[in-house]
Amino acid sequence: MRLAWIFLVAAAAGCASKAKPPAKTERERDSIVAQSRLPGAKGVGAALRVSDSAAARRARLDSVAQ
């Protein structure tokens, strides 16, 4: 009986869930690619800069409209 409890406790300890780090957003992944030396990384970086610029412009226009 004692051996059964040992196996039960060992099995329960082995089933403990491991905390996963939060998943990266698409923006974070693209930023990592843009900083790498992979082919096309400069294009990804340029696209991120254009996207940031457009978002900033939209924010300025929205604040003027209000």
C-alpha atoms as a PDB file:
ATOM      1  CA  MET A   1       0.000   0.000   0.000  1.00  0.00           C
ATOM      2  CA  ARG A   2       2.828   2.367   0.878  1.00  0.00           C
ATOM      3  CA  LEU A   3       4.442   1.720  -2.523  1.00  0.00           C
ATOM      4  CA  ALA A   4       1.182   2.654  -4.274  1.00  0.00           C
ATOM      5  CA  TRP A   5       1.126   6.023  -2.480  1.00  0.00           C
ATOM      6  CA  ILE A   6       4.713   6.712  -3.513  1.00  0.00           C
ATOM      7  CA  PHE A   7       3.865   6.034  -7.153  1.00  0.00           C
ATOM      8  CA  LEU A   8       0.718   8.154  -6.913  1.00  0.00           C
ATOM      9  CA  VAL A   9       2.614  11.105  -5.447  1.00  0.00           C
ATOM     10  CA  ALA A  10       5.391  10.741  -8.026  1.00  0.00           C
ATOM     11  CA  ALA A  11       2.856  10.633 -10.860  1.00  0.00           C
ATOM     12  CA  ALA A  12       1.037  13.698  -9.551  1.00  0.00           C
ATOM     13  CA  ALA A  13       4.311  15.618  -9.278  1.00  0.00           C
ATOM     14  CA  GLY A  14       5.206  14.693 -12.835  1.00  0.00           C
ATOM     15  CA  CYS A  15       1.893  16.024 -14.151  1.00  0.00           C
ATOM     16  CA  ALA A  16       2.378  19.539 -12.756  1.00  0.00           C
ATOM     17  CA  SER A  17       1.755  22.107 -15.453  1.00  0.00           C
ATOM     18  CA  LYS A  18       4.669  24.190 -16.581  1.00  0.00           C
ATOM     19  CA  ALA A  19       4.044  27.902 -17.070  1.00  0.00           C
ATOM     20  CA  LYS A  20       4.565  28.968 -20.668  1.00  0.00           C
ATOM     21  CA  PRO A  21       5.866  32.418 -21.474  1.00  0.00           C
ATOM     22  CA  PRO A  22       3.283  34.629 -23.149  1.00  0.00           C
ATOM     23  CA  ALA A  23       3.174  34.269 -26.911  1.00  0.00           C
ATOM     24  CA  LYS A  24       4.816  37.015 -28.925  1.00  0.00           C
ATOM     25  CA  THR A  25       2.620  39.251 -31.024  1.00  0.00           C
ATOM     26  CA  GLU A  26       3.050  39.463 -34.767  1.00  0.00           C
ATOM     27  CA  ARG A  27       4.605  42.908 -34.294  1.00  0.00           C
ATOM     28  CA  GLU A  28       7.203  41.516 -31.853  1.00  0.00           C
ATOM     29  CA  ARG A  29       8.081  38.653 -34.198  1.00  0.00           C
ATOM     30  CA  ASP A  30       8.422  41.042 -37.154  1.00  0.00           C
ATOM     31  CA  SER A  31      10.658  43.321 -35.093  1.00  0.00           C
ATOM     32  CA  ILE A  32      12.930  40.382 -34.272  1.00  0.00           C
ATOM     33  CA  VAL A  33      13.116  39.436 -37.953  1.00  0.00           C
ATOM     34  CA  ALA A  34      13.849  43.056 -38.923  1.00  0.00           C
ATOM     35  CA  GLN A  35      16.841  43.118 -36.569  1.00  0.00           C
ATOM     36  CA  SER A  36      18.257  39.879 -37.940  1.00  0.00           C
ATOM     37  CA  ARG A  37      20.577  39.324 -40.858  1.00  0.00           C
ATOM     38  CA  LEU A  38      18.083  37.187 -42.765  1.00  0.00           C
ATOM     39  CA  PRO A  39      17.382  37.945 -46.422  1.00  0.00           C
ATOM     40  CA  GLY A  40      14.515  40.420 -46.599  1.00  0.00           C
ATOM     41  CA  ALA A  41      14.997  41.675 -43.047  1.00  0.00           C
ATOM     42  CA  LYS A  42      15.568  45.222 -44.273  1.00  0.00           C
ATOM     43  CA  GLY A  43      12.241  45.078 -46.108  1.00  0.00           C
ATOM     44  CA  VAL A  44      10.471  43.942 -42.959  1.00  0.00           C
ATOM     45  CA  GLY A  45      12.069  46.807 -41.030  1.00  0.00           C
ATOM     46  CA  ALA A  46      11.019  49.303 -43.687  1.00  0.00           C
ATOM     47  CA  ALA A  47       7.462  47.992 -43.607  1.00  0.00           C
ATOM     48  CA  LEU A  48       7.377  48.372 -39.828  1.00  0.00           C
ATOM     49  CA  ARG A  49       8.591  51.981 -40.088  1.00  0.00           C
ATOM     50  CA  VAL A  50       5.919  52.775 -42.713  1.00  0.00           C
ATOM     51  CA  SER A  51       3.277  51.152 -40.516  1.00  0.00           C
ATOM     52  CA  ASP A  52       4.419  53.178 -37.494  1.00  0.00           C
ATOM     53  CA  SER A  53       4.377  56.374 -39.523  1.00  0.00           C
ATOM     54  CA  ALA A  54       0.859  55.702 -40.801  1.00  0.00           C
ATOM     55  CA  ALA A  55      -0.388  54.887 -37.306  1.00  0.00           C
ATOM     56  CA  ALA A  56       1.117  58.111 -35.937  1.00  0.00           C
ATOM     57  CA  ARG A  57      -0.491  60.113 -38.746  1.00  0.00           C
ATOM     58  CA  ARG A  58      -3.882  58.506 -38.102  1.00  0.00           C
ATOM     59  CA  ALA A  59      -3.553  59.305 -34.401  1.00  0.00           C
ATOM     60  CA  ARG A  60      -2.763  62.957 -35.191  1.00  0.00           C
ATOM     61  CA  LEU A  61      -5.722  63.208 -37.579  1.00  0.00           C
ATOM     62  CA  ASP A  62      -8.033  61.602 -35.028  1.00  0.00           C
ATOM     63  CA  SER A  63      -6.958  64.036 -32.329  1.00  0.00           C
ATOM     64  CA  VAL A  64      -7.540  67.013 -34.654  1.00  0.00           C
ATOM     65  CA  ALA A  65     -11.006  65.728 -35.574  1.00  0.00           C
ATOM     66  CA  GLN A  66     -12.070  65.575 -31.944  1.00  0.00           C
END
